[in-house]
Amino acid sequence: HPLWRHAAMRTNRIVFKLAGITLSIPHNLPDPAAEPRIFISNHPTVMDGFIYFSFLGPEIIPLSAPTDRLMFPFNIWFRKMGIIDVQRDEYDHAVSKKANNKKIALEKLIKTLTVHKKSVLIFPEGHVEPLKHLHYIHTGAARVSIRANVPIVPLSLINLDLIVVDHAHEKPGHVYVKWHPPLIPPIV
């Protein structure tokens, strides 16, 4: 799994450089490899996970839509990377029999944080939401944070509305990554 995540990180960096997309990453961003954390973010475009993976690195394990519903080669690559996928709704449950149900996905996230000591990346909206519109926020990240006793680091991607033309095209530009103070879980 780590080899596939390293290759994905490097590939993402090359693709963004060739596309003329630069990232402004805060110098004091918490290191996902230093200690387990749950990174969460808005999810306005299909390239968000790729952006985060390019600088959070191969030590982070993302939560994803069912991998069998992703287009080639991502359906294979994500599985090889060890991404945790989840059936997000009744449609996913009916169509994606190989994906984890919500309970199993949450247990895998907790095990990743507590046993494997790896950070995770979650998009709490659950799917790509059109720009400038916030979808319902799911509670999974908070439940994982409390059960694993791990802080949540909220992140934001800024300027994507100037770069992403549609789901398949983008133009050169600058993306700003902003991080917010960690949310510490209550002691239960």
Protein backbone atom coordinates (compact mmCIF):
# COMPACT_ATOMS: atom_id res chain seq x y z
CA HIS A 1 0.00 0.00 0.00
CA PRO A 2 2.66 2.64 0.85
CA LEU A 3 4.34 2.24 -2.54
CA TRP A 4 1.05 3.03 -4.33
CA ARG A 5 0.46 6.06 -2.06
CA HIS A 6 4.00 7.37 -2.72
CA ALA A 7 3.48 6.99 -6.47
CA ALA A 8 0.11 8.78 -6.24
CA MET A 9 1.63 11.70 -4.33
CA ARG A 10 4.42 12.15 -6.87
CA THR A 11 2.07 11.75 -9.84
CA ASN A 12 -0.32 14.36 -8.43
CA ARG A 13 2.53 16.84 -7.96
CA ILE A 14 3.68 16.34 -11.56
CA VAL A 15 0.17 16.66 -12.99
CA PHE A 16 -0.50 19.89 -11.08
CA LYS A 17 2.84 21.33 -12.20
CA LEU A 18 2.12 20.47 -15.86
CA ALA A 19 -1.38 21.94 -15.55
CA GLY A 20 0.00 25.19 -14.10
CA ILE A 21 -1.78 24.72 -10.78
CA THR A 22 0.22 25.90 -7.80
CA LEU A 23 -0.58 25.29 -4.16
CA SER A 24 -0.03 27.71 -1.32
CA ILE A 25 0.34 25.52 1.75
CA PRO A 26 0.74 27.03 5.23
CA HIS A 27 4.18 26.39 6.67
CA ASN A 28 2.73 25.49 10.08
CA LEU A 29 0.22 22.89 8.85
CA PRO A 30 0.14 19.92 11.27
CA ASP A 31 2.18 17.01 9.95
CA PRO A 32 -0.10 13.99 9.36
CA ALA A 33 2.86 11.65 9.93
CA ALA A 34 3.80 13.15 13.32
CA GLU A 35 0.72 11.89 15.13
CA PRO A 36 -2.67 10.58 14.03
CA ARG A 37 -5.22 13.23 13.16
CA ILE A 38 -8.45 13.43 11.24
CA PHE A 39 -8.19 15.98 8.44
CA ILE A 40 -11.55 17.19 7.13
CA SER A 41 -12.36 19.53 4.27
CA ASN A 42 -14.98 20.99 2.02
CA HIS A 43 -15.38 18.99 -1.21
CA PRO A 44 -16.26 21.34 -4.07
CA THR A 45 -14.48 19.53 -6.93
CA VAL A 46 -13.33 16.09 -8.05
CA MET A 47 -9.68 17.10 -7.68
CA ASP A 48 -9.81 17.92 -3.93
CA GLY A 49 -8.52 14.56 -2.73
CA PHE A 50 -5.71 14.71 -5.27
CA ILE A 51 -4.75 18.18 -4.05
CA TYR A 52 -4.61 17.07 -0.43
CA PHE A 53 -2.78 13.87 -1.23
CA SER A 54 -0.10 15.83 -3.10
CA PHE A 55 1.03 17.63 0.06
CA LEU A 56 -0.32 15.62 3.03
CA GLY A 57 1.61 12.71 1.62
CA PRO A 58 1.52 8.96 1.56
CA GLU A 59 1.01 8.57 5.30
CA ILE A 60 -2.61 9.75 5.12
CA ILE A 61 -5.45 7.32 4.43
CA PRO A 62 -8.49 8.87 2.70
CA LEU A 63 -12.11 7.84 3.04
CA SER A 64 -13.61 7.47 -0.43
CA ALA A 65 -16.76 6.77 -2.36
CA PRO A 66 -17.05 3.09 -3.34
CA THR A 67 -13.95 2.32 -5.39
CA ASP A 68 -15.88 0.06 -7.76
CA ARG A 69 -17.91 3.11 -8.87
CA LEU A 70 -14.83 5.17 -9.76
CA MET A 71 -13.58 5.37 -13.32
CA PHE A 72 -10.49 3.50 -14.51
CA PRO A 73 -7.65 3.70 -13.41
CA PHE A 74 -8.80 5.22 -10.09
CA ASN A 75 -11.00 2.23 -9.26
CA ILE A 76 -7.89 0.03 -9.20
CA TRP A 77 -5.35 2.59 -7.95
CA PHE A 78 -7.44 3.62 -4.92
CA ARG A 79 -7.92 0.00 -3.86
CA LYS A 80 -4.16 -0.66 -4.17
CA MET A 81 -3.46 2.48 -2.08
CA GLY A 82 -5.46 1.06 0.82
CA ILE A 83 -8.11 3.76 0.74
CA ILE A 84 -11.11 3.03 2.94
CA ASP A 85 -14.26 3.18 0.84
CA VAL A 86 -17.81 3.45 2.12
CA GLN A 87 -21.37 2.97 0.94
CA ARG A 88 -22.60 6.51 1.57
CA ASP A 89 -26.29 6.01 0.89
CA GLU A 90 -28.93 3.51 -0.24
CA TYR A 91 -27.85 3.82 -3.88
CA ASP A 92 -24.24 2.94 -3.01
CA HIS A 93 -25.51 0.06 -0.88
CA ALA A 94 -27.56 -1.32 -3.80
CA VAL A 95 -24.89 -0.85 -6.48
CA SER A 96 -21.55 -1.31 -4.67
CA LYS A 97 -21.56 -4.62 -2.85
CA LYS A 98 -17.76 -4.66 -2.33
CA ALA A 99 -17.58 -1.30 -0.52
CA ASN A 100 -17.66 -1.11 3.27
CA ASN A 101 -20.95 -0.33 4.92
CA LYS A 102 -20.87 2.73 7.20
CA LYS A 103 -20.27 0.76 10.41
CA ILE A 104 -17.31 -1.19 8.98
CA ALA A 105 -15.83 1.95 7.37
CA LEU A 106 -15.98 3.79 10.72
CA GLU A 107 -14.33 0.84 12.48
CA LYS A 108 -11.55 0.78 9.84
CA LEU A 109 -10.99 4.53 10.29
CA ILE A 110 -10.72 4.09 14.07
CA LYS A 111 -8.30 1.17 13.66
CA THR A 112 -6.20 3.20 11.17
CA LEU A 113 -5.89 6.00 13.74
CA THR A 114 -5.42 3.96 16.91
CA VAL A 115 -3.65 0.75 15.86
CA HIS A 116 -1.77 1.78 12.71
CA LYS A 117 -1.20 5.35 13.98
CA LYS A 118 -1.99 6.87 10.55
CA SER A 119 -3.92 10.06 9.89
CA VAL A 120 -7.09 10.00 7.80
CA LEU A 121 -8.74 12.43 5.37
CA ILE A 122 -12.53 12.76 5.35
CA PHE A 123 -14.80 14.97 3.27
CA PRO A 124 -17.75 15.28 5.68
CA GLU A 125 -20.15 16.41 2.95
CA GLY A 126 -19.88 12.84 1.66
CA HIS A 127 -19.65 13.71 -2.02
CA VAL A 128 -18.56 16.43 -4.41
CA GLU A 129 -20.84 19.42 -3.94
CA PRO A 130 -21.15 22.24 -6.50
CA LEU A 131 -19.00 25.28 -5.77
CA LYS A 132 -20.27 27.89 -3.31
CA HIS A 133 -22.87 25.57 -1.81
CA LEU A 134 -22.39 23.64 1.42
CA HIS A 135 -24.08 20.26 1.61
CA TYR A 136 -25.30 18.56 4.79
CA ILE A 137 -22.34 17.70 7.02
CA HIS A 138 -22.26 14.05 8.13
CA THR A 139 -21.27 13.21 11.70
CA GLY A 140 -18.84 10.37 10.96
CA ALA A 141 -15.67 12.43 11.50
CA ALA A 142 -16.89 13.55 14.93
CA ARG A 143 -17.83 10.00 15.93
CA VAL A 144 -14.42 8.69 14.81
CA SER A 145 -12.66 11.54 16.64
CA ILE A 146 -14.45 10.80 19.92
CA ARG A 147 -13.99 7.02 19.73
CA ALA A 148 -10.33 7.24 18.69
CA ASN A 149 -9.60 10.26 20.93
CA VAL A 150 -7.92 12.01 18.01
CA PRO A 151 -8.25 15.71 17.07
CA ILE A 152 -9.91 16.93 13.88
CA VAL A 153 -7.97 19.42 11.73
CA PRO A 154 -10.38 21.39 9.50
CA LEU A 155 -8.95 22.45 6.13
CA SER A 156 -10.30 24.66 3.37
CA LEU A 157 -9.42 24.90 -0.31
CA ILE A 158 -9.71 28.46 -1.59
CA ASN A 159 -9.75 29.66 -5.22
CA LEU A 160 -10.96 26.44 -6.83
CA ASP A 161 -13.87 28.33 -8.41
CA LEU A 162 -11.26 30.20 -10.48
CA ILE A 163 -9.47 27.02 -11.59
CA VAL A 164 -12.04 24.29 -12.09
CA VAL A 165 -14.03 24.82 -15.30
CA ASP A 166 -16.10 21.63 -14.98
CA HIS A 167 -15.66 18.06 -13.69
CA ALA A 168 -13.13 17.25 -16.43
CA HIS A 169 -11.32 20.53 -17.09
CA GLU A 170 -9.32 23.04 -15.14
CA LYS A 171 -7.20 26.05 -16.00
CA PRO A 172 -3.91 27.24 -14.52
CA GLY A 173 -4.12 29.08 -11.24
CA HIS A 174 -3.30 29.22 -7.57
CA VAL A 175 -5.05 27.21 -4.82
CA TYR A 176 -4.74 28.35 -1.22
CA VAL A 177 -4.93 25.80 1.57
CA LYS A 178 -6.10 27.12 4.90
CA TRP A 179 -6.09 25.15 8.13
CA HIS A 180 -8.08 25.96 11.20
CA PRO A 181 -7.34 25.21 14.87
CA PRO A 182 -7.77 21.53 15.75
CA LEU A 183 -11.02 20.38 17.30
CA ILE A 184 -10.13 18.34 20.36
CA PRO A 185 -12.58 15.55 21.19
CA PRO A 186 -14.25 15.64 24.60
CA ILE A 187 -13.09 13.11 27.16
CA VAL A 188 -15.77 10.47 27.38
